[in-house]
Amino acid sequence: MKPITIAAACLLACTWALQARAATPAEPDPLALQSAPVADSAASGSGMKLFAEAALGPQQRRYGLSTQTYSRLSLDYAQTFRLGSGWRATLSNRLDAFDPPAPGTDERVVNSLREAYAAWGSEGGDTSVEFGRINVRTGPAYGYNPTDFFRAGSLRTATSVDPIKLRQNRLGTVMLRGQRQWGPHAVSLALAPKLESTPSSGSFDLDLGSTNHRHRALASLSSRWSERFSTQLLAFGEKDGSSQIGANATALLSDAAVGYAEWARGRERSSASLLGLGTPQRSSGDRLAAGVTLALPAKLSLTVEYSYNGFGLSKAEWQASRALGPAALAGLLRSTLVRQEQFGRDAWTVYATQQGGLMRNLDLTALVRHNMADKSQLVWLEARHRWDGFDGALQALWSRGDALTEYGLPTVKSSLQAVIVWYF
């Protein structure tokens, strides 16, 4: 049976079994110290979210390749179960069927068990313990999160370039996590054991080798000093890997502006050394992301962000690496995408959304990324109309750059997709 047929059968089965109406997305906390996920308008009163998504459109390719048609069917499920006496369980899963296969794999069907964990919370809510596969997202930035220490290897498939969606759809890490809160302060500790040594691309594999390939630990101290300012300090360690420290800060600059910053420091090999252009030894380096989000008239939200990766390719290193040819740079780019790292040393991200400003129930989103080292750019636009029970969207993507740049190297140069989402 073809993958698209399998996904369609799953969709029909869930359609018959479940009926629910879409709800309005919740307002994000402006001082949140994690990249606040945009709530899908699919939550029912029982705490369940279920939606199916179909995408179809042409992709223009480089290197003399002809335009190809891309199609995808996805089934996305998430639910929280209240078990009583302070206990709850969370299950989150996504099934994607592609034609052609997903980039980086020969699989046409990919299942991602994003979260599956049990949690206990005290009656007052000041103490909690969780165990299982948990998606821990840390850092307030949009385009690049230096302190999001569990991001490497967590994305089985990328069905969008929207950074919010990427963080929602990635795999969680199997861990034991505890948190204690007192007043405006909270301390947490997460312990993630090594469960597998190598990643797996199997369609229905748990892929523990991507998320739990080393023993790792993360400790954090979060403080909300006022209604306008919050901070977070972090310490991350992994066996046979890099230990890092980090800090996040979010500030309400005015009624219409929120500023944020995150920073991390550690020791590892640079991208230039991985290409054989520098010393193979690990060296100390910094990562940084800082930006501001403005609430503008006509329900427009605009985020402008600068990001720095001390281990990424500088302009001089990128120019030197061009002599190595496309194969070497393509390998480095694939590794960078798997680790969800920043390819170049310096970059800019602009992220804009408008919800219902031009037309009722019409949401507009725009993303622009610019690599300052090689001067390549990525532009992504989406227009989404929300009806009662389903969405319709049109998405367009363009990438621009010389042949051996971050956005000029991938095979797909541009794409146009029609997307339909059904909520159950």
Protein backbone atom coordinates (compact mmCIF):
# COMPACT_ATOMS: atom_id res chain seq x y z
CA MET A 1 0.00 0.00 0.00
CA LYS A 2 1.34 3.44 -0.93
CA PRO A 3 2.34 5.84 1.91
CA ILE A 4 -0.20 8.46 0.84
CA THR A 5 -2.92 5.80 0.98
CA ILE A 6 -1.83 4.76 4.48
CA ALA A 7 -1.98 8.36 5.72
CA ALA A 8 -5.39 8.87 4.07
CA ALA A 9 -6.74 5.78 5.81
CA CYS A 10 -5.51 7.06 9.17
CA LEU A 11 -7.18 10.39 8.47
CA LEU A 12 -10.54 8.78 7.63
CA ALA A 13 -10.43 6.59 10.73
CA CYS A 14 -9.84 9.57 12.99
CA THR A 15 -12.53 11.56 11.19
CA TRP A 16 -15.11 8.91 11.97
CA ALA A 17 -13.96 8.51 15.56
CA LEU A 18 -13.57 12.11 16.71
CA GLN A 19 -15.53 15.32 16.34
CA ALA A 20 -14.53 18.61 18.04
CA ARG A 21 -14.54 22.30 17.29
CA ALA A 22 -11.48 24.52 16.96
CA ALA A 23 -10.61 26.89 19.79
CA THR A 24 -8.94 30.29 19.78
CA PRO A 25 -5.14 30.25 20.32
CA ALA A 26 -3.96 31.39 23.74
CA GLU A 27 -2.06 34.64 24.16
CA PRO A 28 1.68 34.03 24.77
CA ASP A 29 3.41 35.34 27.88
CA PRO A 30 5.58 38.29 26.76
CA LEU A 31 8.20 37.46 29.44
CA ALA A 32 8.37 33.73 28.72
CA LEU A 33 11.94 32.39 28.80
CA GLN A 34 11.31 29.81 26.11
CA SER A 35 10.39 30.35 22.50
CA ALA A 36 6.64 30.42 23.02
CA PRO A 37 4.95 27.94 20.67
CA VAL A 38 1.96 29.27 18.77
CA ALA A 39 -1.02 27.25 19.92
CA ASP A 40 -2.78 25.38 17.13
CA SER A 41 -6.47 26.18 16.99
CA ALA A 42 -7.37 22.55 17.52
CA ALA A 43 -7.71 22.07 21.26
CA SER A 44 -10.92 20.63 22.57
CA GLY A 45 -12.16 20.92 26.12
CA SER A 46 -10.67 17.49 26.90
CA GLY A 47 -7.12 18.74 26.29
CA MET A 48 -6.84 16.91 22.97
CA LYS A 49 -5.52 18.29 19.68
CA LEU A 50 -5.97 16.38 16.45
CA PHE A 51 -5.58 17.70 12.95
CA ALA A 52 -4.75 16.46 9.47
CA GLU A 53 -2.79 18.50 6.97
CA ALA A 54 -2.42 18.13 3.20
CA ALA A 55 0.11 20.07 1.11
CA LEU A 56 0.64 20.14 -2.64
CA GLY A 57 2.71 22.33 -4.93
CA PRO A 58 5.65 22.72 -7.34
CA GLN A 59 9.32 22.99 -6.36
CA GLN A 60 11.81 24.70 -8.66
CA ARG A 61 15.22 23.02 -8.46
CA ARG A 62 18.82 23.98 -9.21
CA TYR A 63 21.60 22.19 -11.11
CA GLY A 64 19.55 21.80 -14.28
CA LEU A 65 16.94 19.60 -12.59
CA SER A 66 13.34 19.91 -13.70
CA THR A 67 10.53 21.30 -11.55
CA GLN A 68 8.99 18.61 -9.37
CA THR A 69 5.63 18.31 -7.62
CA TYR A 70 5.75 17.96 -3.85
CA SER A 71 2.91 16.41 -1.86
CA ARG A 72 2.47 15.62 1.82
CA LEU A 73 -0.19 14.25 4.16
CA SER A 74 0.26 14.65 7.92
CA LEU A 75 -1.67 13.51 10.97
CA ASP A 76 -0.88 15.39 14.18
CA TYR A 77 -2.14 14.29 17.60
CA ALA A 78 -1.52 15.57 21.12
CA GLN A 79 -3.41 15.00 24.35
CA THR A 80 -2.99 15.44 28.08
CA PHE A 81 -4.70 12.94 30.39
CA ARG A 82 -5.64 13.89 33.94
CA LEU A 83 -5.02 10.87 36.16
CA GLY A 84 -5.99 12.31 39.55
CA SER A 85 -4.02 12.99 42.75
CA GLY A 86 -1.73 15.44 40.95
CA TRP A 87 -0.82 13.00 38.17
CA ARG A 88 -1.15 13.56 34.44
CA ALA A 89 0.21 12.01 31.25
CA THR A 90 1.03 13.62 27.91
CA LEU A 91 1.19 11.97 24.49
CA SER A 92 2.15 13.78 21.27
CA ASN A 93 2.73 12.15 17.89
CA ARG A 94 3.02 13.20 14.24
CA LEU A 95 2.82 11.04 11.10
CA ASP A 96 4.06 12.47 7.78
CA ALA A 97 3.78 10.87 4.33
CA PHE A 98 5.86 12.48 1.55
CA ASP A 99 6.18 12.27 -2.19
CA PRO A 100 9.08 12.55 -3.03
CA PRO A 101 10.74 11.23 0.17
CA ALA A 102 11.64 13.61 2.98
CA PRO A 103 15.01 15.37 2.52
CA GLY A 104 17.92 13.45 4.00
CA THR A 105 16.13 10.08 3.97
CA ASP A 106 14.74 7.51 1.57
CA GLU A 107 11.61 7.08 3.68
CA ARG A 108 8.25 8.21 2.33
CA VAL A 109 6.51 7.75 5.70
CA VAL A 110 8.06 9.16 8.88
CA ASN A 111 6.51 8.91 12.34
CA SER A 112 7.70 11.23 15.12
CA LEU A 113 6.81 10.35 18.70
CA ARG A 114 7.39 13.84 20.02
CA GLU A 115 6.37 13.42 23.64
CA ALA A 116 5.26 10.58 25.91
CA TYR A 117 5.68 11.24 29.61
CA ALA A 118 4.04 11.09 33.02
CA ALA A 119 4.09 14.02 35.47
CA TRP A 120 3.26 14.64 39.09
CA GLY A 121 2.63 18.05 40.64
CA SER A 122 2.12 19.04 44.25
CA GLU A 123 -1.21 20.48 45.35
CA GLY A 124 0.16 24.00 45.50
CA GLY A 125 1.91 23.66 42.17
CA ASP A 126 5.34 24.56 43.53
CA THR A 127 6.90 21.12 42.94
CA SER A 128 6.74 18.91 39.86
CA VAL A 129 8.42 15.76 38.58
CA GLU A 130 8.23 14.43 35.01
CA PHE A 131 9.59 11.30 33.37
CA GLY A 132 9.54 10.20 29.73
CA ARG A 133 10.15 11.78 26.35
CA ILE A 134 9.81 15.54 26.94
CA ASN A 135 10.31 18.38 24.47
CA VAL A 136 12.37 20.89 26.46
CA ARG A 137 12.57 24.24 24.63
CA THR A 138 14.79 26.88 26.20
CA GLY A 139 15.56 30.41 25.06
CA PRO A 140 13.33 33.33 24.03
CA ALA A 141 14.84 33.92 20.56
CA TYR A 142 13.01 33.12 17.33
CA GLY A 143 15.51 32.28 14.58
CA TYR A 144 18.39 30.84 16.62
CA ASN A 145 18.46 29.54 20.20
CA PRO A 146 21.98 29.18 21.67
CA THR A 147 20.63 27.94 25.04
CA ASP A 148 18.26 25.35 23.54
CA PHE A 149 20.69 22.61 24.52
CA PHE A 150 18.49 19.61 23.61
CA ARG A 151 17.80 20.72 20.03
CA ALA A 152 20.58 18.75 18.28
CA GLY A 153 19.26 15.75 16.34
CA SER A 154 15.68 16.26 17.51
CA LEU A 155 14.06 17.02 14.15
CA ARG A 156 13.18 13.92 12.11
CA THR A 157 11.52 15.88 9.30
CA ALA A 158 11.19 19.55 8.43
CA THR A 159 7.77 20.25 6.93
CA SER A 160 8.17 24.03 7.29
CA VAL A 161 10.91 26.61 7.67
CA ASP A 162 8.84 28.49 10.24
CA PRO A 163 11.02 28.32 13.41
CA ILE A 164 7.95 28.12 15.66
CA LYS A 165 6.69 25.03 13.83
CA LEU A 166 10.14 23.44 13.85
CA ARG A 167 10.29 23.66 17.65
CA GLN A 168 6.79 22.25 17.98
CA ASN A 169 7.37 19.27 15.70
CA ARG A 170 10.71 17.99 16.93
CA LEU A 171 11.36 14.93 19.08
CA GLY A 172 11.56 15.25 22.82
CA THR A 173 14.38 13.73 24.88
CA VAL A 174 13.86 10.86 27.33
CA MET A 175 14.66 12.33 30.72
CA LEU A 176 13.79 12.69 34.38
CA ARG A 177 13.06 16.32 35.19
CA GLY A 178 12.18 17.97 38.49
CA GLN A 179 11.27 21.57 39.30
CA ARG A 180 10.84 23.51 42.52
CA GLN A 181 9.36 27.01 42.64
CA TRP A 182 9.37 29.54 45.46
CA GLY A 183 7.90 32.95 44.85
CA PRO A 184 9.23 34.43 41.60
CA HIS A 185 12.11 31.92 41.40
CA ALA A 186 12.27 28.36 40.10
CA VAL A 187 15.05 25.79 39.89
CA SER A 188 14.97 22.71 37.67
CA LEU A 189 17.18 19.73 36.91
CA ALA A 190 16.87 17.40 33.91
CA LEU A 191 18.82 14.12 33.59
CA ALA A 192 18.83 12.44 30.17
CA PRO A 193 20.53 9.00 29.89
CA LYS A 194 22.22 7.48 26.88
CA LEU A 195 19.86 4.91 25.33
CA GLU A 196 21.20 4.39 21.79
CA SER A 197 24.47 5.20 20.04
CA THR A 198 23.40 6.04 16.49
CA PRO A 199 20.39 7.74 14.87
CA SER A 200 17.82 5.76 12.89
CA SER A 201 15.89 6.83 9.80
CA GLY A 202 13.34 3.98 10.01
CA SER A 203 9.78 5.10 9.40
CA PHE A 204 8.41 4.18 12.84
CA ASP A 205 11.62 4.08 14.86
CA LEU A 206 11.69 5.96 18.17
CA ASP A 207 15.07 7.33 17.04
CA LEU A 208 16.52 7.38 20.53
CA GLY A 209 19.98 7.53 18.97
CA SER A 210 19.25 11.10 17.89
CA THR A 211 17.86 12.36 21.18
CA ASN A 212 19.59 10.16 23.77
CA HIS A 213 23.01 9.40 22.29
CA ARG A 214 24.93 10.64 25.36
CA HIS A 215 24.41 11.04 29.08
CA ARG A 216 23.37 14.67 29.52
CA ALA A 217 22.18 17.00 32.27
CA LEU A 218 20.68 20.49 32.37
CA ALA A 219 20.22 22.69 35.45
CA SER A 220 18.50 26.06 35.38
CA LEU A 221 17.51 28.89 37.71
CA SER A 222 14.67 31.12 36.50
CA SER A 223 13.71 34.41 38.15
CA ARG A 224 10.94 36.88 37.42
CA TRP A 225 12.23 40.05 39.05
CA SER A 226 9.25 42.22 38.17
CA GLU A 227 6.35 42.43 35.74
CA ARG A 228 8.84 43.80 33.21
CA PHE A 229 12.00 41.70 33.57
CA SER A 230 12.90 38.00 33.86
CA THR A 231 16.16 36.01 33.66
CA GLN A 232 17.38 32.45 33.48
CA LEU A 233 20.79 30.91 34.22
CA LEU A 234 21.68 27.49 32.79
CA ALA A 235 24.42 24.87 33.06
CA PHE A 236 24.56 21.98 30.59
CA GLY A 237 26.87 19.00 30.52
CA GLU A 238 27.23 15.83 28.45
CA LYS A 239 29.58 12.87 28.75
CA ASP A 240 32.31 12.92 26.09
CA GLY A 241 30.89 16.19 24.79
CA SER A 242 30.86 19.90 25.44
CA SER A 243 29.84 21.45 28.74
CA GLN A 244 28.18 24.83 28.36
CA ILE A 245 26.82 27.65 30.43
CA GLY A 246 24.12 30.05 29.32
CA ALA A 247 21.83 32.90 30.28
CA ASN A 248 18.52 34.29 29.00
CA ALA A 249 16.82 37.61 29.65
CA THR A 250 13.49 39.08 28.59
CA ALA A 251 12.38 42.65 29.24
CA LEU A 252 9.15 44.52 28.60
CA LEU A 253 10.63 47.70 27.13
CA SER A 254 7.28 49.42 26.66
CA ASP A 255 3.63 48.52 26.18
CA ALA A 256 4.45 47.74 22.56
CA ALA A 257 8.01 46.34 22.69
CA VAL A 258 9.63 43.24 24.22
CA GLY A 259 13.40 42.82 24.14
CA TYR A 260 15.20 39.50 24.64
CA ALA A 261 18.68 38.02 24.60
CA GLU A 262 20.27 34.63 25.11
CA TRP A 263 23.91 33.65 25.37
CA ALA A 264 25.87 30.39 25.68
CA ARG A 265 29.55 29.57 26.00
CA GLY A 266 31.31 26.24 25.54
CA ARG A 267 34.25 24.38 24.00
CA GLU A 268 34.00 22.49 20.70
CA ARG A 269 35.43 22.28 17.20
CA SER A 270 34.59 25.09 14.81
CA SER A 271 32.97 24.58 11.39
CA ALA A 272 36.25 25.67 9.74
CA SER A 273 38.19 22.96 11.59
CA LEU A 274 35.63 20.33 10.55
CA LEU A 275 36.42 21.31 6.96
CA GLY A 276 40.14 20.96 7.62
CA LEU A 277 40.80 24.71 7.54
CA GLY A 278 41.74 25.14 11.18
CA THR A 279 43.19 23.32 14.15
CA PRO A 280 41.26 20.15 15.06
CA GLN A 281 41.36 20.94 18.77
CA ARG A 282 38.34 22.23 20.63
CA SER A 283 38.33 25.91 21.46
CA SER A 284 36.14 28.17 23.57
CA GLY A 285 33.48 30.19 21.83
CA ASP A 286 30.28 32.11 22.34
CA ARG A 287 26.81 32.00 20.82
CA LEU A 288 24.39 34.90 21.06
CA ALA A 289 20.92 35.92 19.91
CA ALA A 290 19.28 39.25 20.69
CA GLY A 291 16.21 40.93 19.33
CA VAL A 292 13.08 42.96 19.87
CA THR A 293 9.43 42.23 19.15
CA LEU A 294 7.22 45.21 18.34
CA ALA A 295 3.42 45.30 18.51
CA LEU A 296 2.48 47.64 15.67
CA PRO A 297 -0.86 49.00 14.42
CA ALA A 298 -3.20 46.81 12.35
CA LYS A 299 -2.44 43.79 14.60
CA LEU A 300 1.07 43.50 13.18
CA SER A 301 3.85 41.90 15.24
CA LEU A 302 7.42 42.41 14.02
CA THR A 303 10.54 40.68 15.41
CA VAL A 304 14.05 41.70 14.36
CA GLU A 305 16.87 39.48 15.62
CA TYR A 306 20.66 39.40 15.34
CA SER A 307 22.44 36.10 16.03
CA TYR A 308 26.08 35.13 16.38
CA ASN A 309 27.71 31.70 16.31
CA GLY A 310 31.36 31.82 17.30
CA PHE A 311 31.85 28.33 15.79
CA GLY A 312 30.20 29.15 12.45
CA LEU A 313 31.95 30.13 9.23
CA SER A 314 33.17 33.73 9.06
CA LYS A 315 33.35 35.55 5.74
CA ALA A 316 37.05 34.76 5.32
CA GLU A 317 36.55 31.09 6.28
CA TRP A 318 33.65 30.73 3.86
CA GLN A 319 35.72 32.21 1.03
CA ALA A 320 38.54 29.77 1.82
CA SER A 321 36.14 26.83 2.00
CA ARG A 322 34.91 27.39 -1.56
CA ALA A 323 38.11 25.79 -2.85
CA LEU A 324 37.03 22.52 -1.18
CA GLY A 325 34.08 22.16 -3.56
CA PRO A 326 30.34 21.60 -3.12
CA ALA A 327 30.57 18.12 -1.55
CA ALA A 328 32.47 19.35 1.51
CA LEU A 329 30.19 22.33 2.05
CA ALA A 330 27.05 20.23 1.47
CA GLY A 331 28.23 17.79 4.15
CA LEU A 332 28.82 20.62 6.61
CA LEU A 333 25.42 22.12 5.80
CA ARG A 334 23.66 18.78 6.43
CA SER A 335 25.44 18.43 9.77
CA THR A 336 24.48 21.99 10.68
CA LEU A 337 20.82 21.36 9.89
CA VAL A 338 20.77 18.14 11.94
CA ARG A 339 22.25 19.99 14.93
CA GLN A 340 19.94 22.97 14.26
CA GLU A 341 22.95 25.23 14.41
CA GLN A 342 23.67 28.50 12.62
CA PHE A 343 25.78 27.95 9.50
CA GLY A 344 27.43 31.38 9.30
CA ARG A 345 29.13 33.46 11.96
CA ASP A 346 26.60 36.34 11.88
CA ALA A 347 22.98 36.37 10.72
CA TRP A 348 19.80 38.40 10.80
CA THR A 349 16.24 37.12 11.15
CA VAL A 350 13.04 39.10 10.58
CA TYR A 351 9.77 37.46 11.60
CA ALA A 352 6.43 39.22 11.11
CA THR A 353 2.85 38.14 11.76
CA GLN A 354 -0.49 39.83 11.26
CA GLN A 355 -3.60 38.17 12.65
CA GLY A 356 -6.87 39.42 11.21
CA GLY A 357 -5.53 42.88 10.45
CA LEU A 358 -6.46 43.05 6.77
CA MET A 359 -9.38 40.62 6.76
CA ARG A 360 -11.22 38.76 9.48
CA ASN A 361 -9.70 35.29 10.10
CA LEU A 362 -6.82 35.97 7.70
CA ASP A 363 -3.34 35.51 9.20
CA LEU A 364 -0.17 36.59 7.39
CA THR A 365 3.36 35.42 8.29
CA ALA A 366 6.71 36.40 6.80
CA LEU A 367 10.20 35.10 7.58
CA VAL A 368 13.47 36.49 6.20
CA ARG A 369 16.91 35.09 7.05
CA HIS A 370 20.19 36.65 5.94
CA ASN A 371 23.63 35.04 6.29
CA MET A 372 26.07 37.94 6.68
CA ALA A 373 29.13 35.83 5.82
CA ASP A 374 28.07 34.62 2.36
CA LYS A 375 25.27 37.17 1.69
CA SER A 376 22.64 34.50 0.95
CA GLN A 377 18.98 34.88 1.92
CA LEU A 378 15.86 32.83 2.58
CA VAL A 379 12.34 34.29 2.31
CA TRP A 380 9.16 32.47 3.36
CA LEU A 381 5.61 33.84 3.20
CA GLU A 382 2.29 32.39 4.32
CA ALA A 383 -1.31 33.57 3.99
CA ARG A 384 -3.70 31.47 6.11
CA HIS A 385 -7.47 31.81 6.35
CA ARG A 386 -9.23 30.17 9.29
CA TRP A 387 -12.73 28.77 8.97
CA ASP A 388 -14.77 26.85 11.52
CA GLY A 389 -13.01 23.48 11.66
CA PHE A 390 -10.38 23.92 8.96
CA ASP A 391 -7.71 26.26 7.56
CA GLY A 392 -6.56 27.00 4.04
CA ALA A 393 -3.08 28.41 3.41
CA LEU A 394 -0.77 29.39 0.60
CA GLN A 395 2.96 29.22 1.29
CA ALA A 396 5.81 30.51 -0.87
CA LEU A 397 9.57 30.08 -0.37
CA TRP A 398 12.54 31.62 -2.17
CA SER A 399 16.24 31.13 -1.56
CA ARG A 400 18.92 33.33 -3.04
CA GLY A 401 22.70 33.07 -3.06
CA ASP A 402 25.81 32.01 -4.97
CA ALA A 403 26.36 28.33 -5.70
CA LEU A 404 28.36 27.54 -2.53
CA THR A 405 26.38 29.62 -0.03
CA GLU A 406 24.05 28.46 2.74
CA TYR A 407 20.87 29.19 0.79
CA GLY A 408 22.34 28.83 -2.71
CA LEU A 409 23.56 25.26 -2.19
CA PRO A 410 20.34 23.25 -1.52
CA THR A 411 18.65 21.61 -4.50
CA VAL A 412 15.28 23.34 -4.03
CA LYS A 413 15.47 26.96 -5.09
CA SER A 414 11.82 27.98 -4.60
CA SER A 415 8.47 26.40 -3.89
CA LEU A 416 4.78 27.18 -3.78
CA GLN A 417 2.39 25.12 -1.66
CA ALA A 418 -1.34 25.00 -1.09
CA VAL A 419 -2.09 23.66 2.40
CA ILE A 420 -5.37 22.52 3.92
CA VAL A 421 -5.71 21.67 7.63
CA TRP A 422 -8.71 19.86 9.14
CA TYR A 423 -9.28 20.02 12.91
CA PHE A 424 -11.19 17.27 14.67
